């Protein structure tokens, strides 16, 4: 929930919804990171597209990154067999 609270707070400052802030943060990471959000509603697609226009400051990015770093990720992303299909470093 700590990440959600930061997304909400930054979103309120930027007049954007948390999902847009999340997408804007992902877009700001590296040029080769491209989020692919799925949706079945036109309104959500339009919100997702608008996220590309959200300008996050260095402080916003740091705050979001710090909040994400506090989350303990548990479990594997994929099974070992599936990882062998996508990642040659395993």
C-alpha atoms as a PDB file:
ATOM      1  CA  UNK A   1       0.000   0.000   0.000  1.00  0.00           C
ATOM      2  CA  UNK A   2       2.942   2.339   0.492  1.00  0.00           C
ATOM      3  CA  UNK A   3       3.521   2.398  -3.270  1.00  0.00           C
ATOM      4  CA  UNK A   4      -0.177   3.040  -3.919  1.00  0.00           C
ATOM      5  CA  UNK A   5      -0.138   5.975  -1.501  1.00  0.00           C
ATOM      6  CA  UNK A   6       2.833   7.523  -3.310  1.00  0.00           C
ATOM      7  CA  UNK A   7       1.115   6.958  -6.678  1.00  0.00           C
ATOM      8  CA  UNK A   8      -2.017   8.672  -5.348  1.00  0.00           C
ATOM      9  CA  UNK A   9      -0.111  11.603  -3.840  1.00  0.00           C
ATOM     10  CA  UNK A  10       1.984  12.236  -6.952  1.00  0.00           C
ATOM     11  CA  UNK A  11      -1.116  11.739  -9.101  1.00  0.00           C
ATOM     12  CA  UNK A  12      -3.009  14.375  -7.150  1.00  0.00           C
ATOM     13  CA  UNK A  13      -0.144  16.840  -7.691  1.00  0.00           C
ATOM     14  CA  UNK A  14      -0.006  16.061 -11.415  1.00  0.00           C
ATOM     15  CA  UNK A  15      -3.780  15.803 -11.906  1.00  0.00           C
ATOM     16  CA  UNK A  16      -3.397  12.203 -13.032  1.00  0.00           C
ATOM     17  CA  UNK A  17      -4.697   8.872 -11.815  1.00  0.00           C
ATOM     18  CA  UNK A  18      -2.343   6.386 -10.096  1.00  0.00           C
ATOM     19  CA  UNK A  19      -2.251   4.123 -13.169  1.00  0.00           C
ATOM     20  CA  UNK A  20      -0.994   7.044 -15.272  1.00  0.00           C
ATOM     21  CA  UNK A  21       1.700   7.858 -12.729  1.00  0.00           C
ATOM     22  CA  UNK A  22       2.757   4.220 -12.709  1.00  0.00           C
ATOM     23  CA  UNK A  23       3.010   4.145 -16.509  1.00  0.00           C
ATOM     24  CA  UNK A  24       4.852   7.487 -16.567  1.00  0.00           C
ATOM     25  CA  UNK A  25       7.338   6.115 -14.009  1.00  0.00           C
ATOM     26  CA  UNK A  26       7.917   3.004 -16.133  1.00  0.00           C
ATOM     27  CA  UNK A  27       8.403   5.126 -19.263  1.00  0.00           C
ATOM     28  CA  UNK A  28      10.994   7.230 -17.422  1.00  0.00           C
ATOM     29  CA  UNK A  29      13.168   4.245 -16.417  1.00  0.00           C
ATOM     30  CA  UNK A  30      15.127   3.358 -19.543  1.00  0.00           C
ATOM     31  CA  UNK A  31      14.461   3.850 -23.252  1.00  0.00           C
ATOM     32  CA  UNK A  32      14.228   0.085 -23.769  1.00  0.00           C
ATOM     33  CA  UNK A  33      11.566  -0.432 -21.077  1.00  0.00           C
ATOM     34  CA  UNK A  34       8.188  -0.270 -22.770  1.00  0.00           C
ATOM     35  CA  UNK A  35       5.113  -1.006 -20.662  1.00  0.00           C
ATOM     36  CA  UNK A  36       2.349  -2.872 -22.459  1.00  0.00           C
ATOM     37  CA  UNK A  37      -0.832  -2.242 -20.485  1.00  0.00           C
ATOM     38  CA  UNK A  38      -3.862  -4.264 -21.414  1.00  0.00           C
ATOM     39  CA  UNK A  39      -7.391  -2.955 -21.394  1.00  0.00           C
ATOM     40  CA  UNK A  40     -10.811  -3.765 -22.745  1.00  0.00           C
ATOM     41  CA  UNK A  41     -12.258  -0.280 -22.334  1.00  0.00           C
ATOM     42  CA  UNK A  42     -11.674   2.708 -24.579  1.00  0.00           C
ATOM     43  CA  UNK A  43     -11.592   5.072 -21.589  1.00  0.00           C
ATOM     44  CA  UNK A  44      -8.738   3.103 -20.031  1.00  0.00           C
ATOM     45  CA  UNK A  45      -6.847   3.100 -23.316  1.00  0.00           C
ATOM     46  CA  UNK A  46      -7.161   6.891 -23.466  1.00  0.00           C
ATOM     47  CA  UNK A  47      -5.938   7.154 -19.851  1.00  0.00           C
ATOM     48  CA  UNK A  48      -2.972   4.928 -20.678  1.00  0.00           C
ATOM     49  CA  UNK A  49      -2.056   7.016 -23.717  1.00  0.00           C
ATOM     50  CA  UNK A  50      -2.296  10.218 -21.647  1.00  0.00           C
ATOM     51  CA  UNK A  51       0.308   8.807 -19.255  1.00  0.00           C
ATOM     52  CA  UNK A  52       2.963   9.554 -21.885  1.00  0.00           C
ATOM     53  CA  UNK A  53       2.292  13.263 -21.327  1.00  0.00           C
ATOM     54  CA  UNK A  54       2.780  13.140 -17.535  1.00  0.00           C
ATOM     55  CA  UNK A  55       6.018  14.883 -16.573  1.00  0.00           C
ATOM     56  CA  UNK A  56       7.587  13.479 -13.423  1.00  0.00           C
ATOM     57  CA  UNK A  57      10.288  15.455 -11.641  1.00  0.00           C
ATOM     58  CA  UNK A  58      13.521  13.905 -10.412  1.00  0.00           C
ATOM     59  CA  UNK A  59      12.033  14.052  -6.901  1.00  0.00           C
ATOM     60  CA  UNK A  60       8.859  12.256  -8.085  1.00  0.00           C
ATOM     61  CA  UNK A  61      10.934   9.533  -9.726  1.00  0.00           C
ATOM     62  CA  UNK A  62      13.104   9.115  -6.631  1.00  0.00           C
ATOM     63  CA  UNK A  63      10.069   8.940  -4.334  1.00  0.00           C
ATOM     64  CA  UNK A  64       8.395   6.293  -6.505  1.00  0.00           C
ATOM     65  CA  UNK A  65      11.599   4.284  -6.867  1.00  0.00           C
ATOM     66  CA  UNK A  66      12.198   4.387  -3.111  1.00  0.00           C
ATOM     67  CA  UNK A  67       8.630   3.236  -2.403  1.00  0.00           C
ATOM     68  CA  UNK A  68       9.015   0.326  -4.832  1.00  0.00           C
ATOM     69  CA  UNK A  69      12.352  -0.655  -3.280  1.00  0.00           C
ATOM     70  CA  UNK A  70      10.617  -1.160   0.067  1.00  0.00           C
ATOM     71  CA  UNK A  71       8.355  -3.879  -1.363  1.00  0.00           C
ATOM     72  CA  UNK A  72       9.633  -7.390  -0.765  1.00  0.00           C
ATOM     73  CA  UNK A  73       9.067  -9.443  -3.907  1.00  0.00           C
ATOM     74  CA  UNK A  74       8.454 -13.110  -3.212  1.00  0.00           C
ATOM     75  CA  UNK A  75       8.430 -16.080  -5.538  1.00  0.00           C
ATOM     76  CA  UNK A  76       9.697 -16.602  -9.030  1.00  0.00           C
ATOM     77  CA  UNK A  77       8.337 -14.752 -12.024  1.00  0.00           C
ATOM     78  CA  UNK A  78       8.092 -17.970 -14.043  1.00  0.00           C
ATOM     79  CA  UNK A  79       8.922 -21.627 -13.535  1.00  0.00           C
ATOM     80  CA  UNK A  80      12.529 -22.648 -14.170  1.00  0.00           C
ATOM     81  CA  UNK A  81      11.462 -24.381 -17.397  1.00  0.00           C
ATOM     82  CA  UNK A  82       9.769 -21.234 -18.694  1.00  0.00           C
ATOM     83  CA  UNK A  83      12.705 -19.060 -17.655  1.00  0.00           C
ATOM     84  CA  UNK A  84      14.947 -21.205 -19.843  1.00  0.00           C
ATOM     85  CA  UNK A  85      12.797 -20.204 -22.797  1.00  0.00           C
ATOM     86  CA  UNK A  86      13.112 -16.449 -22.160  1.00  0.00           C
ATOM     87  CA  UNK A  87      16.335 -15.957 -20.234  1.00  0.00           C
ATOM     88  CA  UNK A  88      19.627 -17.549 -21.216  1.00  0.00           C
ATOM     89  CA  UNK A  89      21.338 -16.518 -17.974  1.00  0.00           C
ATOM     90  CA  UNK A  90      19.525 -19.148 -15.866  1.00  0.00           C
END
